[in-house]
N, C-alpha and C. Protein backbone atom coordinates (compact mmCIF):
# COMPACT_ATOMS: atom_id res chain seq x y z
N MET A 1 0.81 -1.20 0.00
CA MET A 1 0.00 0.00 0.00
C MET A 1 0.85 1.26 0.00
N GLY A 2 2.13 1.16 0.23
CA GLY A 2 3.00 2.32 0.23
C GLY A 2 3.14 2.95 1.59
N LEU A 3 4.09 3.87 1.69
CA LEU A 3 4.36 4.57 2.94
C LEU A 3 3.48 5.81 3.07
N VAL A 4 3.51 6.38 4.27
CA VAL A 4 2.71 7.56 4.57
C VAL A 4 3.61 8.64 5.12
N GLY A 5 3.35 9.89 4.76
CA GLY A 5 4.14 11.01 5.26
C GLY A 5 3.27 12.15 5.74
N TYR A 6 3.90 13.14 6.37
CA TYR A 6 3.19 14.35 6.77
C TYR A 6 4.13 15.54 6.71
N LEU A 7 3.55 16.71 6.54
CA LEU A 7 4.30 17.95 6.34
C LEU A 7 4.10 18.87 7.53
N VAL A 8 5.19 19.52 7.96
CA VAL A 8 5.10 20.56 8.98
C VAL A 8 5.93 21.76 8.51
N TRP A 9 5.53 22.94 8.94
CA TRP A 9 6.24 24.16 8.57
C TRP A 9 7.07 24.62 9.75
N ARG A 10 8.27 25.14 9.48
CA ARG A 10 9.11 25.69 10.55
C ARG A 10 9.52 27.11 10.18
N GLU A 11 9.75 27.90 11.22
CA GLU A 11 9.99 29.33 11.03
C GLU A 11 11.36 29.62 10.43
N ARG A 12 12.37 28.85 10.81
CA ARG A 12 13.73 29.17 10.39
C ARG A 12 14.26 28.15 9.39
N GLY A 13 15.36 28.53 8.75
CA GLY A 13 16.00 27.63 7.80
C GLY A 13 15.51 27.87 6.38
N TRP A 14 16.20 27.23 5.44
CA TRP A 14 15.83 27.40 4.03
C TRP A 14 15.77 26.08 3.29
N ARG A 15 16.18 24.99 3.93
CA ARG A 15 16.19 23.67 3.28
C ARG A 15 14.97 22.85 3.71
N ILE A 16 14.52 21.99 2.81
CA ILE A 16 13.51 20.99 3.15
C ILE A 16 14.22 19.83 3.85
N ARG A 17 13.72 19.43 4.98
CA ARG A 17 14.35 18.37 5.76
C ARG A 17 13.42 17.17 5.84
N TYR A 18 14.00 15.97 5.62
CA TYR A 18 13.24 14.72 5.60
C TYR A 18 13.70 13.82 6.73
N PHE A 19 12.75 13.20 7.44
CA PHE A 19 13.07 12.32 8.56
C PHE A 19 12.25 11.04 8.43
N GLU A 20 12.89 9.91 8.59
CA GLU A 20 12.19 8.63 8.68
C GLU A 20 11.90 8.34 10.16
N GLU A 21 10.63 8.20 10.49
CA GLU A 21 10.22 7.94 11.87
C GLU A 21 9.53 6.57 11.95
N GLU A 22 9.40 6.10 13.18
CA GLU A 22 8.64 4.88 13.44
C GLU A 22 7.76 5.13 14.65
N LEU A 23 6.48 4.92 14.50
CA LEU A 23 5.52 5.15 15.57
C LEU A 23 4.77 3.85 15.83
N TYR A 24 5.05 3.24 16.98
CA TYR A 24 4.44 1.96 17.33
C TYR A 24 4.66 0.93 16.22
N HIS A 25 5.90 0.88 15.76
CA HIS A 25 6.37 -0.06 14.73
C HIS A 25 5.77 0.23 13.35
N VAL A 26 5.17 1.41 13.19
CA VAL A 26 4.63 1.81 11.89
C VAL A 26 5.52 2.92 11.33
N PRO A 27 6.11 2.75 10.13
CA PRO A 27 7.00 3.76 9.58
C PRO A 27 6.23 4.98 9.06
N LEU A 28 6.83 6.16 9.24
CA LEU A 28 6.28 7.41 8.74
C LEU A 28 7.42 8.28 8.20
N TRP A 29 7.11 9.13 7.25
CA TRP A 29 8.05 10.14 6.77
C TRP A 29 7.57 11.50 7.26
N ARG A 30 8.44 12.21 7.97
CA ARG A 30 8.16 13.58 8.40
C ARG A 30 8.97 14.54 7.53
N VAL A 31 8.30 15.55 7.00
CA VAL A 31 8.96 16.54 6.16
C VAL A 31 8.79 17.92 6.78
N GLU A 32 9.89 18.59 7.06
CA GLU A 32 9.86 19.94 7.62
C GLU A 32 10.14 20.93 6.50
N LEU A 33 9.19 21.84 6.29
CA LEU A 33 9.26 22.79 5.20
C LEU A 33 9.60 24.18 5.73
N PRO A 34 10.54 24.88 5.10
CA PRO A 34 10.83 26.26 5.52
C PRO A 34 9.75 27.22 5.01
N LYS A 35 9.35 28.14 5.86
CA LYS A 35 8.41 29.15 5.42
C LYS A 35 9.13 30.15 4.51
N ASN A 36 8.65 30.30 3.30
CA ASN A 36 9.30 31.19 2.34
C ASN A 36 8.24 31.84 1.46
N ASN A 37 8.69 32.47 0.41
CA ASN A 37 7.77 33.19 -0.48
C ASN A 37 7.16 32.31 -1.56
N HIS A 38 7.52 31.02 -1.57
CA HIS A 38 7.02 30.12 -2.62
C HIS A 38 6.49 28.82 -1.98
N PRO A 39 5.44 28.92 -1.15
CA PRO A 39 4.97 27.71 -0.45
C PRO A 39 4.49 26.61 -1.38
N ASP A 40 3.79 26.96 -2.46
CA ASP A 40 3.29 25.93 -3.38
C ASP A 40 4.44 25.19 -4.05
N ARG A 41 5.47 25.93 -4.45
CA ARG A 41 6.63 25.31 -5.09
C ARG A 41 7.38 24.42 -4.09
N THR A 42 7.46 24.87 -2.84
CA THR A 42 8.14 24.08 -1.80
C THR A 42 7.40 22.78 -1.54
N ILE A 43 6.08 22.86 -1.44
CA ILE A 43 5.29 21.64 -1.22
C ILE A 43 5.44 20.69 -2.39
N GLN A 44 5.40 21.19 -3.60
CA GLN A 44 5.52 20.33 -4.77
C GLN A 44 6.86 19.61 -4.80
N ARG A 45 7.94 20.32 -4.47
CA ARG A 45 9.27 19.69 -4.41
C ARG A 45 9.29 18.59 -3.37
N ALA A 46 8.71 18.87 -2.19
CA ALA A 46 8.72 17.88 -1.11
C ALA A 46 7.92 16.64 -1.50
N LEU A 47 6.75 16.84 -2.08
CA LEU A 47 5.91 15.70 -2.44
C LEU A 47 6.52 14.87 -3.56
N THR A 48 7.19 15.53 -4.48
CA THR A 48 7.88 14.79 -5.54
C THR A 48 8.96 13.88 -4.96
N THR A 49 9.71 14.40 -3.98
CA THR A 49 10.74 13.59 -3.32
C THR A 49 10.11 12.44 -2.54
N LEU A 50 9.03 12.71 -1.84
CA LEU A 50 8.37 11.66 -1.08
C LEU A 50 7.89 10.54 -2.00
N ARG A 51 7.35 10.89 -3.13
CA ARG A 51 6.87 9.86 -4.06
C ARG A 51 8.01 8.98 -4.55
N ARG A 52 9.19 9.58 -4.75
CA ARG A 52 10.35 8.78 -5.16
C ARG A 52 10.77 7.80 -4.08
N HIS A 53 10.47 8.11 -2.81
CA HIS A 53 10.83 7.23 -1.71
C HIS A 53 9.69 6.28 -1.32
N GLY A 54 8.66 6.20 -2.14
CA GLY A 54 7.60 5.22 -1.91
C GLY A 54 6.45 5.70 -1.07
N VAL A 55 6.37 7.02 -0.79
CA VAL A 55 5.24 7.55 -0.03
C VAL A 55 4.07 7.74 -0.98
N THR A 56 2.94 7.18 -0.64
CA THR A 56 1.77 7.23 -1.52
C THR A 56 0.59 8.00 -0.93
N ARG A 57 0.64 8.32 0.38
CA ARG A 57 -0.45 9.06 1.01
C ARG A 57 0.11 10.01 2.06
N LEU A 58 -0.70 11.02 2.40
CA LEU A 58 -0.36 11.95 3.46
C LEU A 58 -1.35 11.82 4.60
N LEU A 59 -0.96 12.33 5.77
CA LEU A 59 -1.84 12.27 6.93
C LEU A 59 -2.87 13.40 6.94
N THR A 60 -2.77 14.32 5.99
CA THR A 60 -3.74 15.40 5.87
C THR A 60 -4.23 15.48 4.43
N ASP A 61 -5.29 16.26 4.24
CA ASP A 61 -5.89 16.36 2.90
C ASP A 61 -5.72 17.75 2.31
N ASP A 62 -4.66 18.47 2.73
CA ASP A 62 -4.49 19.84 2.28
C ASP A 62 -3.32 20.04 1.33
N ALA A 63 -2.84 18.97 0.69
CA ALA A 63 -1.73 19.08 -0.26
C ALA A 63 -2.07 18.33 -1.54
N PRO A 64 -1.59 18.82 -2.69
CA PRO A 64 -1.86 18.14 -3.96
C PRO A 64 -0.96 16.93 -4.15
N LEU A 65 -1.14 16.25 -5.23
CA LEU A 65 -0.28 15.15 -5.72
C LEU A 65 -0.45 13.84 -4.96
N LEU A 66 -0.63 13.88 -3.65
CA LEU A 66 -0.76 12.64 -2.87
C LEU A 66 -2.10 12.62 -2.15
N PRO A 67 -2.83 11.50 -2.20
CA PRO A 67 -4.12 11.42 -1.51
C PRO A 67 -3.94 11.30 0.00
N PRO A 68 -4.96 11.64 0.77
CA PRO A 68 -4.85 11.55 2.23
C PRO A 68 -5.20 10.17 2.76
N VAL A 69 -4.73 9.87 3.95
CA VAL A 69 -5.21 8.71 4.70
C VAL A 69 -6.68 8.95 5.04
N ALA A 70 -7.51 7.96 4.83
CA ALA A 70 -8.94 8.11 5.08
C ALA A 70 -9.23 8.08 6.58
N THR A 71 -9.79 9.16 7.08
CA THR A 71 -10.23 9.20 8.48
C THR A 71 -11.73 8.93 8.60
N GLY A 72 -12.44 8.97 7.48
CA GLY A 72 -13.89 8.80 7.51
C GLY A 72 -14.37 7.51 8.16
N PRO A 73 -13.80 6.34 7.79
CA PRO A 73 -14.26 5.10 8.42
C PRO A 73 -14.13 5.10 9.94
N LEU A 74 -13.05 5.67 10.46
CA LEU A 74 -12.87 5.72 11.92
C LEU A 74 -13.88 6.67 12.55
N TRP A 75 -14.06 7.84 11.94
CA TRP A 75 -15.05 8.78 12.48
C TRP A 75 -16.44 8.14 12.50
N ARG A 76 -16.81 7.46 11.42
CA ARG A 76 -18.15 6.89 11.37
C ARG A 76 -18.31 5.73 12.36
N ALA A 77 -17.23 5.00 12.62
CA ALA A 77 -17.30 3.94 13.64
C ALA A 77 -17.51 4.52 15.03
N LEU A 78 -17.09 5.78 15.24
CA LEU A 78 -17.20 6.44 16.53
C LEU A 78 -18.33 7.46 16.56
N ALA A 79 -19.29 7.32 15.66
CA ALA A 79 -20.36 8.31 15.53
C ALA A 79 -21.18 8.45 16.81
N GLY A 80 -21.46 7.35 17.49
CA GLY A 80 -22.21 7.43 18.74
C GLY A 80 -21.48 8.24 19.79
N GLN A 81 -20.18 8.00 19.92
CA GLN A 81 -19.36 8.81 20.83
C GLN A 81 -19.41 10.28 20.45
N ALA A 82 -19.27 10.55 19.15
CA ALA A 82 -19.27 11.94 18.69
C ALA A 82 -20.56 12.64 19.08
N ALA A 83 -21.69 11.96 18.95
CA ALA A 83 -22.97 12.57 19.31
C ALA A 83 -23.03 12.89 20.81
N LEU A 84 -22.56 11.97 21.64
CA LEU A 84 -22.61 12.19 23.09
C LEU A 84 -21.68 13.31 23.52
N VAL A 85 -20.50 13.38 22.89
CA VAL A 85 -19.57 14.46 23.22
C VAL A 85 -20.16 15.81 22.79
N GLU A 86 -20.80 15.84 21.64
CA GLU A 86 -21.39 17.10 21.17
C GLU A 86 -22.57 17.50 22.05
N LEU A 87 -23.36 16.54 22.51
CA LEU A 87 -24.44 16.88 23.44
C LEU A 87 -23.87 17.48 24.72
N ALA A 88 -22.79 16.88 25.22
CA ALA A 88 -22.16 17.42 26.42
C ALA A 88 -21.61 18.82 26.18
N ARG A 89 -21.04 19.01 24.98
CA ARG A 89 -20.50 20.32 24.65
C ARG A 89 -21.60 21.38 24.59
N ARG A 90 -22.79 20.97 24.17
CA ARG A 90 -23.93 21.88 24.12
C ARG A 90 -24.72 21.90 25.42
N ARG A 91 -24.28 21.10 26.38
CA ARG A 91 -24.92 21.02 27.70
C ARG A 91 -26.37 20.56 27.60
N ILE A 92 -26.58 19.57 26.75
CA ILE A 92 -27.89 18.93 26.62
C ILE A 92 -27.79 17.54 27.24
N PRO A 93 -28.52 17.24 28.32
CA PRO A 93 -28.48 15.90 28.91
C PRO A 93 -28.96 14.86 27.90
N PRO A 94 -28.22 13.77 27.70
CA PRO A 94 -28.65 12.75 26.73
C PRO A 94 -30.06 12.23 26.97
N GLY A 95 -30.44 12.09 28.24
CA GLY A 95 -31.76 11.57 28.56
C GLY A 95 -32.89 12.48 28.15
N GLN A 96 -32.57 13.72 27.78
CA GLN A 96 -33.58 14.66 27.32
C GLN A 96 -33.48 14.94 25.82
N ALA A 97 -32.56 14.28 25.14
CA ALA A 97 -32.24 14.64 23.76
C ALA A 97 -32.79 13.64 22.76
N PHE A 98 -33.31 14.17 21.66
CA PHE A 98 -33.57 13.39 20.47
C PHE A 98 -32.39 13.60 19.52
N VAL A 99 -31.78 12.52 19.08
CA VAL A 99 -30.65 12.60 18.16
C VAL A 99 -31.09 12.09 16.80
N GLY A 100 -30.88 12.90 15.79
CA GLY A 100 -31.23 12.50 14.44
C GLY A 100 -30.05 11.87 13.72
N LEU A 101 -30.32 10.88 12.89
CA LEU A 101 -29.31 10.26 12.04
C LEU A 101 -29.75 10.42 10.59
N ARG A 102 -28.88 11.01 9.79
CA ARG A 102 -29.17 11.20 8.38
C ARG A 102 -28.19 10.37 7.56
N ALA A 103 -28.70 9.47 6.73
CA ALA A 103 -27.83 8.58 5.96
C ALA A 103 -28.55 8.11 4.71
N LYS A 104 -27.77 7.59 3.75
CA LYS A 104 -28.33 7.05 2.52
C LYS A 104 -28.87 5.64 2.73
N GLN A 105 -28.28 4.93 3.71
CA GLN A 105 -28.73 3.58 4.00
C GLN A 105 -28.33 3.23 5.44
N ALA A 106 -28.98 2.22 5.97
CA ALA A 106 -28.69 1.78 7.33
C ALA A 106 -27.55 0.77 7.31
N ASP A 107 -26.33 1.28 7.09
CA ASP A 107 -25.17 0.40 7.05
C ASP A 107 -24.65 0.12 8.45
N ARG A 108 -23.51 -0.57 8.53
CA ARG A 108 -22.99 -1.00 9.82
C ARG A 108 -22.72 0.17 10.77
N SER A 109 -22.16 1.26 10.23
CA SER A 109 -21.84 2.41 11.07
C SER A 109 -23.11 3.05 11.64
N VAL A 110 -24.15 3.14 10.82
CA VAL A 110 -25.41 3.71 11.26
C VAL A 110 -26.04 2.85 12.35
N VAL A 111 -26.06 1.54 12.13
CA VAL A 111 -26.64 0.63 13.12
C VAL A 111 -25.85 0.70 14.42
N ALA A 112 -24.53 0.73 14.35
CA ALA A 112 -23.70 0.82 15.55
C ALA A 112 -23.96 2.12 16.30
N CYS A 113 -24.14 3.21 15.56
CA CYS A 113 -24.44 4.49 16.19
C CYS A 113 -25.78 4.44 16.92
N CYS A 114 -26.78 3.90 16.26
CA CYS A 114 -28.09 3.75 16.90
C CYS A 114 -28.01 2.91 18.16
N THR A 115 -27.30 1.80 18.09
CA THR A 115 -27.18 0.89 19.22
C THR A 115 -26.44 1.54 20.38
N ALA A 116 -25.44 2.39 20.08
CA ALA A 116 -24.71 3.08 21.14
C ALA A 116 -25.55 4.15 21.81
N LEU A 117 -26.40 4.84 21.03
CA LEU A 117 -27.17 5.95 21.56
C LEU A 117 -28.48 5.53 22.22
N ALA A 118 -29.09 4.46 21.71
CA ALA A 118 -30.44 4.09 22.16
C ALA A 118 -30.58 3.92 23.67
N PRO A 119 -29.59 3.33 24.38
CA PRO A 119 -29.78 3.16 25.82
C PRO A 119 -29.72 4.44 26.63
N VAL A 120 -29.21 5.53 26.04
CA VAL A 120 -28.93 6.72 26.87
C VAL A 120 -29.67 7.97 26.43
N VAL A 121 -30.23 8.01 25.21
CA VAL A 121 -30.93 9.21 24.76
C VAL A 121 -32.44 9.04 24.92
N ARG A 122 -33.14 10.16 24.81
CA ARG A 122 -34.59 10.13 24.93
C ARG A 122 -35.23 9.45 23.73
N GLY A 123 -34.67 9.70 22.54
CA GLY A 123 -35.21 9.09 21.34
C GLY A 123 -34.33 9.37 20.15
N LEU A 124 -34.63 8.74 19.02
CA LEU A 124 -33.87 8.90 17.79
C LEU A 124 -34.80 9.37 16.68
N ALA A 125 -34.22 10.05 15.71
CA ALA A 125 -34.96 10.45 14.50
C ALA A 125 -34.16 9.94 13.32
N LEU A 126 -34.74 9.04 12.54
CA LEU A 126 -34.02 8.38 11.46
C LEU A 126 -34.46 8.92 10.11
N GLU A 127 -33.61 9.74 9.52
CA GLU A 127 -33.85 10.24 8.17
C GLU A 127 -33.06 9.38 7.20
N ILE A 128 -33.53 8.13 7.03
CA ILE A 128 -32.82 7.09 6.27
C ILE A 128 -33.84 6.35 5.41
N PRO A 129 -33.60 6.20 4.12
CA PRO A 129 -34.55 5.46 3.29
C PRO A 129 -34.68 4.00 3.74
N ASP A 130 -35.90 3.50 3.69
CA ASP A 130 -36.17 2.07 3.97
C ASP A 130 -35.61 1.62 5.32
N CYS A 131 -35.85 2.42 6.35
CA CYS A 131 -35.29 2.09 7.67
C CYS A 131 -36.36 1.56 8.63
N GLU A 132 -37.50 1.14 8.09
CA GLU A 132 -38.58 0.70 8.96
C GLU A 132 -38.17 -0.48 9.84
N GLY A 133 -37.41 -1.42 9.24
CA GLY A 133 -36.96 -2.58 10.02
C GLY A 133 -36.04 -2.18 11.15
N LEU A 134 -35.12 -1.26 10.89
CA LEU A 134 -34.22 -0.78 11.94
C LEU A 134 -35.01 -0.06 13.02
N ALA A 135 -35.96 0.80 12.64
CA ALA A 135 -36.76 1.53 13.63
C ALA A 135 -37.55 0.56 14.51
N TRP A 136 -38.14 -0.46 13.89
CA TRP A 136 -38.92 -1.42 14.65
C TRP A 136 -38.04 -2.19 15.65
N ASN A 137 -36.85 -2.61 15.20
CA ASN A 137 -35.94 -3.33 16.10
C ASN A 137 -35.49 -2.46 17.27
N LEU A 138 -35.22 -1.18 17.01
CA LEU A 138 -34.80 -0.28 18.08
C LEU A 138 -35.93 -0.06 19.08
N GLN A 139 -37.14 0.12 18.58
CA GLN A 139 -38.28 0.31 19.48
C GLN A 139 -38.52 -0.94 20.33
N ARG A 140 -38.44 -2.11 19.70
CA ARG A 140 -38.69 -3.36 20.43
C ARG A 140 -37.61 -3.62 21.47
N ARG A 141 -36.35 -3.34 21.10
CA ARG A 141 -35.23 -3.67 21.99
C ARG A 141 -35.06 -2.65 23.12
N PHE A 142 -35.24 -1.37 22.80
CA PHE A 142 -34.92 -0.33 23.78
C PHE A 142 -36.15 0.44 24.27
N GLY A 143 -37.27 0.28 23.59
CA GLY A 143 -38.49 0.93 24.04
C GLY A 143 -38.47 2.44 23.92
N LEU A 144 -37.71 2.99 22.99
CA LEU A 144 -37.63 4.45 22.85
C LEU A 144 -38.37 4.89 21.60
N PRO A 145 -38.87 6.13 21.60
CA PRO A 145 -39.59 6.62 20.41
C PRO A 145 -38.63 6.87 19.25
N ILE A 146 -39.11 6.60 18.04
CA ILE A 146 -38.35 6.83 16.81
C ILE A 146 -39.14 7.79 15.93
N LEU A 147 -38.53 8.93 15.61
CA LEU A 147 -39.16 9.91 14.75
C LEU A 147 -38.65 9.75 13.31
N ALA A 148 -39.40 10.34 12.37
CA ALA A 148 -38.99 10.27 10.97
C ALA A 148 -37.92 11.30 10.64
N ARG A 149 -37.89 12.42 11.36
CA ARG A 149 -36.89 13.46 11.13
C ARG A 149 -36.88 14.39 12.34
N GLY A 150 -35.89 15.30 12.36
CA GLY A 150 -35.79 16.26 13.46
C GLY A 150 -34.72 15.86 14.46
N GLY A 151 -34.84 16.37 15.67
CA GLY A 151 -33.88 16.07 16.72
C GLY A 151 -33.14 17.30 17.21
N ASP A 152 -32.60 17.21 18.42
CA ASP A 152 -31.80 18.29 19.00
C ASP A 152 -30.42 18.36 18.36
N LEU A 153 -30.01 17.26 17.76
CA LEU A 153 -28.68 17.16 17.16
C LEU A 153 -28.77 16.13 16.03
N THR A 154 -28.08 16.39 14.93
CA THR A 154 -28.08 15.46 13.80
C THR A 154 -26.68 14.91 13.57
N VAL A 155 -26.58 13.59 13.43
CA VAL A 155 -25.34 12.94 12.98
C VAL A 155 -25.51 12.67 11.50
N ASN A 156 -24.68 13.30 10.71
CA ASN A 156 -24.87 13.32 9.26
C ASN A 156 -23.85 12.41 8.57
N PHE A 157 -24.32 11.28 8.05
CA PHE A 157 -23.45 10.32 7.38
C PHE A 157 -23.41 10.53 5.86
N THR A 158 -24.22 11.45 5.34
CA THR A 158 -24.48 11.41 3.90
C THR A 158 -24.04 12.62 3.10
N ASP A 159 -23.94 13.81 3.71
CA ASP A 159 -23.57 14.99 2.92
C ASP A 159 -22.88 16.00 3.82
N HIS A 160 -22.71 17.21 3.32
CA HIS A 160 -22.02 18.26 4.07
C HIS A 160 -23.00 19.28 4.62
N GLY A 161 -24.18 18.82 4.99
CA GLY A 161 -25.19 19.71 5.54
C GLY A 161 -24.97 19.98 7.01
N ALA A 162 -26.08 20.11 7.73
CA ALA A 162 -26.02 20.48 9.14
C ALA A 162 -25.64 19.30 10.02
N GLY A 163 -25.31 19.62 11.27
CA GLY A 163 -25.04 18.60 12.27
C GLY A 163 -23.59 18.18 12.33
N ILE A 164 -23.35 17.03 12.91
CA ILE A 164 -22.01 16.45 12.97
C ILE A 164 -21.78 15.75 11.64
N VAL A 165 -21.00 16.36 10.78
CA VAL A 165 -20.83 15.85 9.42
C VAL A 165 -19.71 14.82 9.39
N LEU A 166 -20.07 13.56 9.14
CA LEU A 166 -19.11 12.46 9.11
C LEU A 166 -19.02 11.82 7.74
N SER A 167 -19.52 12.49 6.72
CA SER A 167 -19.50 11.94 5.38
C SER A 167 -18.14 12.16 4.73
N GLY A 168 -17.88 11.39 3.69
CA GLY A 168 -16.68 11.60 2.88
C GLY A 168 -15.45 10.87 3.39
N ASN A 169 -14.36 11.06 2.68
CA ASN A 169 -13.11 10.38 2.96
C ASN A 169 -12.40 10.94 4.18
N THR A 170 -12.44 12.26 4.34
CA THR A 170 -11.74 12.91 5.46
C THR A 170 -12.64 13.97 6.08
N PRO A 171 -13.63 13.57 6.87
CA PRO A 171 -14.50 14.56 7.49
C PRO A 171 -13.76 15.37 8.55
N HIS A 172 -14.27 16.59 8.78
CA HIS A 172 -13.71 17.47 9.81
C HIS A 172 -14.86 18.01 10.65
N PRO A 173 -15.46 17.19 11.52
CA PRO A 173 -16.59 17.67 12.32
C PRO A 173 -16.16 18.82 13.22
N GLN A 174 -16.90 19.90 13.15
CA GLN A 174 -16.53 21.11 13.86
C GLN A 174 -16.59 20.90 15.37
N GLY A 175 -15.54 21.32 16.05
CA GLY A 175 -15.50 21.26 17.51
C GLY A 175 -15.09 19.93 18.09
N LEU A 176 -14.79 18.93 17.23
CA LEU A 176 -14.44 17.59 17.72
C LEU A 176 -13.12 17.15 17.12
N THR A 177 -12.42 16.29 17.84
CA THR A 177 -11.21 15.68 17.32
C THR A 177 -11.09 14.28 17.93
N LEU A 178 -10.05 13.56 17.54
CA LEU A 178 -9.84 12.19 18.01
C LEU A 178 -8.66 12.12 18.98
N SER A 179 -8.74 11.18 19.89
CA SER A 179 -7.73 11.02 20.92
C SER A 179 -7.58 9.53 21.22
N CYS A 180 -6.46 9.18 21.87
CA CYS A 180 -6.27 7.78 22.27
C CYS A 180 -5.40 7.76 23.53
N PRO A 181 -5.93 7.27 24.64
CA PRO A 181 -5.19 7.31 25.90
C PRO A 181 -3.82 6.66 25.79
N GLY A 182 -2.79 7.39 26.19
CA GLY A 182 -1.44 6.84 26.26
C GLY A 182 -0.67 6.82 24.98
N VAL A 183 -1.26 7.23 23.87
CA VAL A 183 -0.56 7.23 22.59
C VAL A 183 0.13 8.58 22.39
N LEU A 184 1.45 8.58 22.39
CA LEU A 184 2.22 9.80 22.19
C LEU A 184 2.45 10.03 20.71
N LEU A 185 2.22 11.25 20.26
CA LEU A 185 2.37 11.58 18.85
C LEU A 185 3.61 12.43 18.63
N PRO A 186 4.24 12.34 17.47
CA PRO A 186 5.36 13.22 17.15
C PRO A 186 4.91 14.68 17.14
N GLU A 187 5.87 15.56 17.30
CA GLU A 187 5.58 16.99 17.30
C GLU A 187 4.90 17.39 15.98
N ASP A 188 3.82 18.15 16.11
CA ASP A 188 3.09 18.71 14.96
C ASP A 188 2.46 17.65 14.07
N CYS A 189 2.36 16.42 14.52
CA CYS A 189 1.77 15.37 13.69
C CYS A 189 0.25 15.50 13.68
N PRO A 190 -0.40 15.41 12.52
CA PRO A 190 -1.86 15.50 12.45
C PRO A 190 -2.51 14.32 13.18
N ARG A 191 -3.11 14.59 14.31
CA ARG A 191 -3.56 13.50 15.19
C ARG A 191 -4.63 12.62 14.55
N GLU A 192 -5.60 13.20 13.87
CA GLU A 192 -6.68 12.38 13.32
C GLU A 192 -6.16 11.46 12.23
N GLY A 193 -5.30 11.99 11.35
CA GLY A 193 -4.74 11.16 10.29
C GLY A 193 -3.87 10.05 10.83
N VAL A 194 -3.02 10.36 11.81
CA VAL A 194 -2.12 9.33 12.31
C VAL A 194 -2.87 8.27 13.11
N LEU A 195 -3.89 8.66 13.85
CA LEU A 195 -4.67 7.65 14.57
C LEU A 195 -5.41 6.73 13.60
N ALA A 196 -5.98 7.31 12.55
CA ALA A 196 -6.64 6.48 11.54
C ALA A 196 -5.65 5.53 10.89
N TYR A 197 -4.43 6.02 10.65
CA TYR A 197 -3.42 5.17 10.02
C TYR A 197 -2.96 4.07 10.98
N LEU A 198 -2.80 4.38 12.25
CA LEU A 198 -2.41 3.36 13.23
C LEU A 198 -3.50 2.29 13.38
N VAL A 199 -4.75 2.71 13.31
CA VAL A 199 -5.86 1.74 13.34
C VAL A 199 -5.83 0.89 12.09
N GLU A 200 -5.62 1.52 10.95
CA GLU A 200 -5.55 0.79 9.68
C GLU A 200 -4.45 -0.25 9.69
N GLN A 201 -3.31 0.07 10.30
CA GLN A 201 -2.16 -0.83 10.34
C GLN A 201 -2.23 -1.83 11.49
N GLY A 202 -3.24 -1.76 12.33
CA GLY A 202 -3.39 -2.69 13.44
C GLY A 202 -2.55 -2.37 14.65
N ALA A 203 -1.93 -1.19 14.69
CA ALA A 203 -1.11 -0.80 15.83
C ALA A 203 -1.95 -0.26 16.98
N VAL A 204 -3.16 0.21 16.68
CA VAL A 204 -4.10 0.72 17.68
C VAL A 204 -5.47 0.13 17.36
N HIS A 205 -6.22 -0.25 18.39
CA HIS A 205 -7.58 -0.74 18.20
C HIS A 205 -8.54 0.44 18.10
N TRP A 206 -9.44 0.42 17.16
CA TRP A 206 -10.34 1.55 16.99
C TRP A 206 -11.21 1.75 18.23
N GLN A 207 -11.47 0.66 18.98
CA GLN A 207 -12.28 0.80 20.19
C GLN A 207 -11.58 1.62 21.26
N ASP A 208 -10.24 1.77 21.16
CA ASP A 208 -9.49 2.55 22.14
C ASP A 208 -9.44 4.03 21.80
N VAL A 209 -9.85 4.40 20.60
CA VAL A 209 -9.84 5.80 20.19
C VAL A 209 -11.06 6.49 20.79
N ARG A 210 -10.88 7.74 21.20
CA ARG A 210 -11.94 8.51 21.82
C ARG A 210 -12.20 9.79 21.03
N VAL A 211 -13.45 10.22 21.04
CA VAL A 211 -13.82 11.52 20.49
C VAL A 211 -13.80 12.52 21.64
N VAL A 212 -13.14 13.66 21.44
CA VAL A 212 -13.09 14.70 22.46
C VAL A 212 -13.39 16.04 21.81
N ALA A 213 -13.86 16.99 22.63
CA ALA A 213 -14.02 18.35 22.16
C ALA A 213 -12.64 18.94 21.90
N THR A 214 -12.51 19.78 20.89
CA THR A 214 -11.19 20.26 20.49
C THR A 214 -10.50 21.05 21.58
N ALA A 215 -11.24 21.68 22.44
CA ALA A 215 -10.61 22.47 23.51
C ALA A 215 -10.04 21.60 24.60
N CYS A 216 -10.29 20.27 24.55
CA CYS A 216 -9.90 19.40 25.65
C CYS A 216 -8.56 18.70 25.44
N HIS A 217 -7.99 18.75 24.21
CA HIS A 217 -6.81 17.92 23.97
C HIS A 217 -5.53 18.65 24.35
N SER A 218 -4.53 17.86 24.69
CA SER A 218 -3.19 18.37 25.00
C SER A 218 -2.35 18.39 23.75
N THR A 219 -1.31 19.23 23.73
CA THR A 219 -0.43 19.28 22.56
C THR A 219 0.62 18.19 22.58
N ASP A 220 0.80 17.55 23.74
CA ASP A 220 1.86 16.56 23.86
C ASP A 220 1.37 15.14 23.96
N LEU A 221 0.18 14.95 24.54
CA LEU A 221 -0.32 13.60 24.81
C LEU A 221 -1.74 13.51 24.32
N VAL A 222 -2.00 12.41 23.61
CA VAL A 222 -3.37 12.17 23.18
C VAL A 222 -4.16 11.68 24.37
N LEU A 223 -5.08 12.55 24.83
CA LEU A 223 -5.88 12.36 26.04
C LEU A 223 -5.02 12.48 27.26
């Protein structure tokens, strides 16, 4: 599948610096870029060199030439956590909240989100085509009301509309980030990308990753 790299900017110097790192037995390329008057040209030079060394993806989605590591599958697996953290951030007690789920289909991530939320929220609102079977199972199992749409908060699996947007290859839900207890990250390393990559490589279990409000994370330690 190829190697993975990430870019960081530094205030001093004029040379592009390349470092081979290993994080929990997973290799990474770190590239330090000097801030200058030609940032696009500098990035292009760095990415060209990375490609020659077998790097095929980046930990972020803000550079051309190389695709990003997908964080979407991890975010969607943690959708139930994301909803509860956002409710806490808005100071809405889960037991008083209706949470809406918007999706194109009731896939595994949607069902897992419903199952995680059903025991603790007041009710769910499912804006999902052909979800009658899922709604009936949730009502029978948990005894909570199921609405067709609405809610105090929406978990959005399908587009870039309102709510906690978890659609796409690299979602960026506002006010939330990912964390993992005890996992130390390199300086300036994009935490969401590297955690998704560590999960992908089997170095970290996705069940150990946590969703936190962005104001809660440390710069040195994940969680």
